């Protein structure tokens, strides 16, 4: 059975709420910052869905270890979420494409 893209809300070790955007293949393509309330976390998800279609909202970066990653920014330049580390720039671009494809139609799963 094929999975569907989804946002998954969970509590971290500090008790903050975070979300992951998971693609249909089950891979996490974007992880959020911590939120104090579920309403704020859901607002973060709405912000991803609103901003993911604008390429200018994706900030492409390179870590000190030479790996590539990206951050999705709101229009006010606040970070909404960040990707995993990628060994190649092309893989990072594929991750951005996955966010752009999956976020607008992703469902919500709360734990």
Protein backbone atom coordinates (compact mmCIF):
# COMPACT_ATOMS: atom_id res chain seq x y z
CA UNK A 1 0.00 0.00 0.00
CA UNK A 2 1.44 3.38 -1.01
CA UNK A 3 1.83 6.02 1.63
CA UNK A 4 0.80 9.63 1.19
CA UNK A 5 2.84 12.74 1.97
CA UNK A 6 2.10 13.99 5.46
CA UNK A 7 3.08 16.35 8.20
CA UNK A 8 3.73 14.49 11.45
CA UNK A 9 3.54 16.43 14.72
CA UNK A 10 5.47 15.04 17.70
CA UNK A 11 6.93 16.13 21.04
CA UNK A 12 10.69 16.30 21.35
CA UNK A 13 12.76 15.49 24.45
CA UNK A 14 12.37 19.07 25.73
CA UNK A 15 8.58 18.85 25.48
CA UNK A 16 8.38 21.16 22.47
CA UNK A 17 6.21 20.31 19.47
CA UNK A 18 7.84 19.81 16.10
CA UNK A 19 6.69 18.64 12.71
CA UNK A 20 8.31 16.62 9.96
CA UNK A 21 7.20 16.66 6.36
CA UNK A 22 7.37 13.08 5.14
CA UNK A 23 7.24 12.27 1.42
CA UNK A 24 5.15 9.44 -0.01
CA UNK A 25 8.22 7.17 0.13
CA UNK A 26 8.42 7.66 3.91
CA UNK A 27 11.52 9.88 3.86
CA UNK A 28 11.56 13.02 6.03
CA UNK A 29 12.29 15.98 3.74
CA UNK A 30 11.78 18.90 6.16
CA UNK A 31 11.91 19.24 9.96
CA UNK A 32 10.64 22.21 11.92
CA UNK A 33 11.90 24.31 14.77
CA UNK A 34 10.33 23.74 18.21
CA UNK A 35 6.93 25.21 19.10
CA UNK A 36 5.33 25.74 22.51
CA UNK A 37 1.73 25.06 21.41
CA UNK A 38 -0.02 22.80 18.92
CA UNK A 39 -1.70 25.86 17.37
CA UNK A 40 1.71 27.46 16.72
CA UNK A 41 2.98 24.18 15.24
CA UNK A 42 -0.03 24.00 12.91
CA UNK A 43 0.62 27.63 11.90
CA UNK A 44 4.16 26.54 10.99
CA UNK A 45 2.74 23.81 8.77
CA UNK A 46 0.44 26.33 7.09
CA UNK A 47 3.47 28.57 6.54
CA UNK A 48 5.33 25.71 4.84
CA UNK A 49 2.36 25.13 2.55
CA UNK A 50 2.13 28.85 1.77
CA UNK A 51 5.84 29.48 1.16
CA UNK A 52 7.07 26.24 -0.43
CA UNK A 53 6.04 27.23 -3.94
CA UNK A 54 8.34 30.28 -3.94
CA UNK A 55 11.92 29.28 -4.76
CA UNK A 56 13.16 32.51 -3.14
CA UNK A 57 12.01 31.12 0.24
CA UNK A 58 14.55 28.28 0.04
CA UNK A 59 17.97 29.16 1.38
CA UNK A 60 20.62 26.76 0.11
CA UNK A 61 23.52 26.24 2.50
CA UNK A 62 26.68 24.24 3.00
CA UNK A 63 27.77 22.93 6.39
CA UNK A 64 31.39 23.06 7.58
CA UNK A 65 31.73 19.37 6.71
CA UNK A 66 30.96 20.14 3.05
CA UNK A 67 27.45 18.67 3.08
CA UNK A 68 24.55 20.57 1.52
CA UNK A 69 21.24 21.41 3.19
CA UNK A 70 18.44 23.92 2.86
CA UNK A 71 16.20 26.00 5.06
CA UNK A 72 12.68 27.05 4.15
CA UNK A 73 12.11 30.66 5.16
CA UNK A 74 8.91 32.62 5.62
CA UNK A 75 8.72 35.91 3.78
CA UNK A 76 9.84 37.65 7.00
CA UNK A 77 13.06 35.57 6.76
CA UNK A 78 12.19 33.42 9.80
CA UNK A 79 13.22 29.77 9.41
CA UNK A 80 10.21 27.46 9.19
CA UNK A 81 12.11 24.22 8.71
CA UNK A 82 15.36 22.66 7.57
CA UNK A 83 16.40 19.61 5.60
CA UNK A 84 18.71 16.74 6.36
CA UNK A 85 22.33 16.89 5.20
CA UNK A 86 23.00 15.85 1.61
CA UNK A 87 26.34 14.72 0.20
CA UNK A 88 25.64 16.27 -3.20
CA UNK A 89 24.11 19.57 -4.27
CA UNK A 90 21.88 17.73 -6.77
CA UNK A 91 20.42 15.62 -3.94
CA UNK A 92 19.66 18.81 -1.98
CA UNK A 93 17.86 20.24 -5.04
CA UNK A 94 15.84 17.01 -5.25
CA UNK A 95 14.91 17.52 -1.57
CA UNK A 96 13.67 21.04 -2.34
CA UNK A 97 11.65 19.69 -5.26
CA UNK A 98 10.15 17.09 -2.92
CA UNK A 99 9.05 19.77 -0.44
CA UNK A 100 7.53 21.82 -3.26
CA UNK A 101 5.65 18.75 -4.57
CA UNK A 102 4.59 17.14 -1.28
CA UNK A 103 3.85 20.00 1.15
CA UNK A 104 0.81 21.49 -0.60
CA UNK A 105 -1.09 18.17 -0.64
CA UNK A 106 0.25 16.63 2.58
CA UNK A 107 -2.13 15.43 5.24
CA UNK A 108 -1.64 15.79 9.00
CA UNK A 109 -0.78 13.05 11.48
CA UNK A 110 -0.62 13.90 15.16
CA UNK A 111 0.94 11.60 17.74
